[in-house]
Amino acid sequence: MATAELALVVPAVVLVLALCLSGLGLAIDQVRCVDAAWVAARAASRGEPVEEVAAHASQGAPDGSRVSVTRRGQDVQVTVTAPYRRLRLPGLPAARATASAPVEPVVDG
């Protein structure tokens, strides 16, 4: 009897563990995307070139992330999208974060 119960419990425990680890990995990637987007948005609001803004974002973002910078009126918006990780369970989304900041005025001096 004990082996039959063990045969049913082990796959369930492995599934729960896989789900927990996948969720934790997604949460870590999400936090990294949010931080990278805010750093890049602050850099873009200061008027730094797009290449430098993308470099700021890629320093904190997960490996292989895509960065897009757009300017909308007096605001600049940065979106960081992490790639989907193969180790995650199917159906979990990729991490993505967007941050915007007002463009700082330029002072001549």
Protein backbone atom coordinates (compact mmCIF):
# COMPACT_ATOMS: atom_id res chain seq x y z
CA MET A 1 0.00 0.00 0.00
CA ALA A 2 2.74 2.47 0.89
CA THR A 3 4.38 2.20 -2.54
CA ALA A 4 1.12 2.96 -4.33
CA GLU A 5 0.55 6.03 -2.18
CA LEU A 6 4.13 7.12 -2.71
CA ALA A 7 3.74 6.70 -6.47
CA LEU A 8 0.81 9.14 -6.36
CA VAL A 9 2.40 11.65 -4.01
CA VAL A 10 5.83 12.04 -5.64
CA PRO A 11 4.54 13.44 -8.97
CA ALA A 12 2.27 15.85 -7.11
CA VAL A 13 5.17 17.08 -4.97
CA VAL A 14 7.37 17.51 -8.06
CA LEU A 15 4.60 19.46 -9.82
CA VAL A 16 4.11 21.79 -6.85
CA LEU A 17 7.87 22.32 -6.57
CA ALA A 18 8.13 23.11 -10.29
CA LEU A 19 5.26 25.57 -10.04
CA CYS A 20 6.83 27.30 -7.02
CA LEU A 21 10.26 27.57 -8.64
CA SER A 22 8.76 28.85 -11.89
CA GLY A 23 6.75 31.48 -10.04
CA LEU A 24 9.79 32.56 -8.06
CA GLY A 25 11.87 32.88 -11.24
CA LEU A 26 9.13 34.95 -12.87
CA ALA A 27 8.89 37.20 -9.81
CA ILE A 28 12.65 37.80 -9.81
CA ASP A 29 12.63 38.64 -13.52
CA GLN A 30 9.68 40.99 -13.00
CA VAL A 31 11.45 42.90 -10.22
CA ARG A 32 14.59 43.17 -12.33
CA CYS A 33 12.55 44.50 -15.29
CA VAL A 34 10.84 47.11 -13.10
CA ASP A 35 14.15 48.31 -11.67
CA ALA A 36 15.79 48.43 -15.11
CA ALA A 37 12.86 50.34 -16.60
CA TRP A 38 12.96 52.97 -13.83
CA VAL A 39 16.72 53.45 -14.15
CA ALA A 40 16.44 53.80 -17.91
CA ALA A 41 13.47 56.19 -17.68
CA ARG A 42 15.42 58.47 -15.34
CA ALA A 43 18.39 58.42 -17.72
CA ALA A 44 16.15 59.15 -20.71
CA SER A 45 14.45 62.03 -18.88
CA ARG A 46 17.86 63.66 -18.43
CA GLY A 47 18.30 63.63 -22.20
CA GLU A 48 20.83 60.83 -22.54
CA PRO A 49 21.09 59.16 -25.97
CA VAL A 50 18.94 56.09 -26.62
CA GLU A 51 22.01 53.82 -26.79
CA GLU A 52 23.07 54.86 -23.28
CA VAL A 53 19.51 54.49 -21.99
CA ALA A 54 19.39 50.95 -23.38
CA ALA A 55 22.79 50.24 -21.81
CA HIS A 56 21.51 51.42 -18.41
CA ALA A 57 18.47 49.17 -18.75
CA SER A 58 20.41 46.12 -19.89
CA GLN A 59 22.72 46.31 -16.87
CA GLY A 60 19.88 45.48 -14.48
CA ALA A 61 17.52 43.56 -16.74
CA PRO A 62 17.58 39.78 -17.20
CA ASP A 63 19.87 38.51 -19.97
CA GLY A 64 18.39 38.83 -23.44
CA SER A 65 15.83 41.49 -22.50
CA ARG A 66 14.46 43.92 -25.07
CA VAL A 67 14.37 47.65 -24.31
CA SER A 68 12.22 50.19 -26.13
CA VAL A 69 12.33 53.94 -25.55
CA THR A 70 9.55 56.25 -26.76
CA ARG A 71 8.88 59.91 -26.20
CA ARG A 72 5.28 61.03 -25.79
CA GLY A 73 4.92 64.77 -25.46
CA GLN A 74 6.74 65.85 -22.31
CA ASP A 75 7.20 62.28 -21.05
CA VAL A 76 9.62 59.53 -21.96
CA GLN A 77 8.55 55.90 -21.65
CA VAL A 78 10.83 52.88 -21.34
CA THR A 79 9.61 49.29 -21.68
CA VAL A 80 11.78 46.33 -20.68
CA THR A 81 10.65 42.86 -21.74
CA ALA A 82 12.48 39.77 -20.50
CA PRO A 83 12.61 36.68 -22.70
CA TYR A 84 10.47 33.68 -21.84
CA ARG A 85 12.47 31.16 -19.84
CA ARG A 86 12.29 27.56 -21.05
CA LEU A 87 12.47 26.18 -17.54
CA ARG A 88 9.16 27.76 -16.58
CA LEU A 89 5.91 25.92 -16.80
CA PRO A 90 3.93 26.54 -19.99
CA GLY A 91 1.39 29.29 -19.72
CA LEU A 92 3.38 31.63 -17.51
CA PRO A 93 3.95 35.01 -19.15
CA ALA A 94 7.28 36.69 -19.75
CA ALA A 95 8.27 39.48 -17.38
CA ARG A 96 7.59 43.00 -18.66
CA ALA A 97 7.72 46.47 -17.09
CA THR A 98 7.09 50.00 -18.28
CA ALA A 99 8.25 53.20 -16.60
CA SER A 100 7.76 56.80 -17.62
CA ALA A 101 9.28 60.06 -16.44
CA PRO A 102 8.84 63.70 -17.39
CA VAL A 103 11.56 65.16 -19.58
CA GLU A 104 13.74 67.49 -17.51
CA PRO A 105 14.18 71.01 -18.82
CA VAL A 106 17.54 71.91 -20.31
CA VAL A 107 19.38 74.73 -18.58
CA ASP A 108 21.80 76.74 -20.74
CA GLY A 109 24.84 77.84 -18.88
